């Protein structure tokens, strides 16, 4: 964006003026300074070996062949060093900084069309800002993608060598993954280069390279020492195949056919109720849990109990899709508004076979069955039709149950006899039923131990079906029934295994802390939240320490995604940052479990003493966790110090085997890529952090706003000091630092023609390099940019190219056509310039069409600045298309063809117009514009048109480093635009009539023009004749030559004659009749809309006025057509 950043940079060749765009933001553009715009720019000669060199210096092949130009041009760009950023220019005030850090692609394979889209959009921004004079840093890099990469390598290791990673050992396996990474990192870089991405390749980063690894270690240490990282047993997404926790974005939901199972749990009295383990140990008699009868429930007022046998045991029925987890139930819950709740207060249930006695709790989360629903909304809940009103609470295997347990933890733990008694893992890490992960002495449930989840489900259902509530309750089986049910099942994206919500010891970052969540919310610009009053955590009014106040300058485009960002923080959970993998950043913590709190304190004192004795007090943080069971001592190291590590091992501490979540290193990307925390340590990073952080914009996909954008904001604000840029050696300020970017642009999602996600497995993916090979990089870029609107979802029809064996899309033909049009138009223009005078007389006037072209160029330049500044890439592409195709090619080139040889000033305008078109188009279509620029530099006249500022390339004579065109406001000429616009309306009318009557293209027709029409044509001699095939203009009263027809122009009738040997009157009447019928139908539709009761009051006033004006025009056109039909009759 060309957003104002303080005063204009010093030392710039032209003064700078701010200009307000449509959004109300200010943009900078060079301001003309009189003679500076009319000075002759230094001529840029073609480089040695340039194919443009020749007798005339501008020969061009008849066809544009991308494959012949793109590799050569790319080599010129990269060889010139044009992409390497110089932070000193920013720090010294000689230039503004503009920076982007590329969202790092995973090193798991080749890039897809989404990468090509985002790479194109970022490159458009970087190239435009580079031409505008900003110092641009576009940092490329790749992500190690821990779980994704390890899964791919493990799968290939098994497929090719039938080996498991456990057989190799950690070091050998990591070395194998490193080889994979090196191969695909090079592939990804080559693909981005082939797209024309102008990244600073000399500073390419990788999330596990030494620079980034240092940042990860420093960030972890700082957060750990500040109490924001802690270890605990919590619920995570667990992949039982990889046996690791996985992030939300590493899972997907798949609909599956299943069942609701209805299980009966016997009701028991709480008096002396115990667990099965206690009864089996002989501490209390088995009969201590006394069954509750239906008669007792009836006396308690339980609805429907009267109809049951009074002496029989009573039960409640729970509905579940996962009966295999019932062994981990800690409670049964019902809604406090359920009419049965009062009668059940104080009662327990006993889990069949397991024998565990668990309490009944009341919670509003429980869905009321449809027959008990109090509101229409409750009754409409899809689950209400399946609900019984009783929910089995399994905290270790369901996120909602875990939350419910936390709300009632004190009551449940007290009922079960010990703290955390409700946190029972039914399964082992491999997702087989196990009695060694939170429960023991399973009673008759030993039948299920060792079974997989699927096997356990079938066995539980069969056992419940075969058993009754009691020996005397024949016909009342524990399984009440089943009902078919289709629901979403969470699966691992990498292994496709069903994800198990699993209670596990993990490292967590406390993102719920105000220092992280609060700072992230406060980064938003105030206007991003609209008129809605800001809310705090959990929907409470803002104002407390965690209130979501928007005080910063962070903006989302489209703006609706600011609400997604804010809502995420309102309901955020602490972030599980550990993974049970080998590929990734190892957790830098050494730990030892202690037998008691006293032993913990002793170990803490010994470790602290040893660290101090060795002089590593600034590089080690010691935390004694007395809440863990057993208590644990943790020591986090800022860096690996072999002597200190040996000392810790001597004290019994061992390093944690886990690695960090990939998103942890990704969250540091704007910091680590620029060298934080020691940016001056390397020449490659020196000055980058101070000059380019905060970055200008992040372009990314909407699905990672929560997983990446939010976390980058948290990290940047927490780890950079308040008042940044300042010295990192200074103590951090009390407030938060800046957000890592000023804007977040959420780009479109590319889908296939049916709106489905593209993927190799689905067979609907398109490889961007296949399009580069068939259409050229510029065609790919133009098409993707032209499709990128703020509606987000972009559909790209996919077809199979059988000859090449690849997928493609006809949509890319548009981009190829535009590139070819530009090439051929430039070839034609250069051929005209070759015969034009070399220098124009100083005071020669410009023809109306020349002034029109300059005016359209000036407007197009301003529109391009606004479109790029507002991330309206489709508007930018459409504007270029209109300028190039409809105005420069279809009008101006044709108009000047007959006159340019006699008008030196016109040659100058033509050269300048082509130059401006190339500069405006270059950010989007860099290869073809650079190839043409090489030839234009040698062919253009030495002088430039007054008011047009065109400088030479700053590096190597390249268009890529040439200045953005500067066109004076005075060039905008409404009179010329109106005059030519009127004539283009006449041209359109003539051509429409020619097409309607089938007049051959080469036939010259006669136009019978009114005095006013002739006067308008005289102001632009030859324009109408050239563009519409008019061979002669006669007075309107002159006799028609041969067949003729009437046309309308500017409300008046004109005649065309000499159309052909004869016109069929019947065919003409039929043509006009169809036009009249269509116009009558249109008028009727508009009239009906306007006469609809209440329309004028409800619809926006602007829309009503537009409809009335359109109706008047339609009725006028219908009257004209009736008159023409009358004359034919």
Foldseek 3Di string as FASTA:
>chain_A
DQADDPAAFPPDPAHWDWDAFPVRGTGIAGADDFCQFFDFFDFFAFDVVFPQDDDQSFDDDLFDDQVVFLVVVLCVLVVQLLLAFDLVCQVVRVAAEFEEEALAAELQAEDFLVSLLLLLLVLLLQLQVLQRVHRYAYEYEHFPQFVQLLLSLQVVCCVPPVDGVVVVDLVRSQVVSVVSSVVSRVNHVVVSSQLVRSHSVVLYYYCPDPLLLLVLLQLLVVLVQVVQKDKDWAWFWADLVQLKGDDPVQKDKDKDKAKKWKFKWWKWALQQAAFPVCCVVVVDPLCRTPFQFLLLLVVLVAPPSVVDPRVDGDTAIFIDRQLLLLLLFLAKEFAPLQPRVSSQPNMWTADPQQRGIHYYYHDNVFQAALVRDPDPVSNPPVCNPVGRRIHGQRLFWDPVSVVVCVVCVVVSCVSHPHHPLSNAFQADSNQAGDCPGRHDPRGSCVVRGRHHSVVSRVVSQVQQQVAAPDPPDPPHGRTPDMDMDMDIFMARNSPRHTITGGTDIFMWRACLDCLFLVLLLQQAAQCLVPPDQFAFAPRHHADPSRTSHHNHQEAEVVSVLNVVLNVCSNDDGIGGWWILGSHAAFQQKWKDFDPAVVRLVVLQVVLVVVCVVVPNPVFKRWDWAVVDVNTMIMIGGSDDDPVSVVVVVVSVIDGDNIHTRSLSSLLCSLPSSLRPPCQCPDPSNPSCCQNAFLHAEYEEASVCCNSHQSSNQSSQFNQDADPPPDDSPDPHDPGTHHGSYSYYYHKAQEDEQVQHHDDVVVVQTAHVVVCCNVQNSLLSLLLSLLQIASVRYGYFHWDAPVVVRGIDGPSSVVRSVVLRLLSNLLSLLLVLLSLADQDADPPDDDALLLLLLLQLLQVLLVQLSSCSVSVVSSSLSVSLCCSRPVRLPLAVSLLCVVPRNPHNVSLQSSLLSSVLSLLSCCSSRVRSSQSSQNSSSSRGRSTHDPQKHWHAAPTSRTSSSTHNIGGHPVSNDVVSNVLVVLLVQVLVQLQVVLVLQVQDPQAAKEKADEPVVVVSCVSRPPRSCRNRRHPYYHHQPDDADAEKAWTDGPNDIIMIHPRDNHGDLVSVLVVLVVVLVVLVVLLVVLVVQLPDPPNCVPPPVVVSVVSVVSSVVSVVVNVVSVVRSVVSD
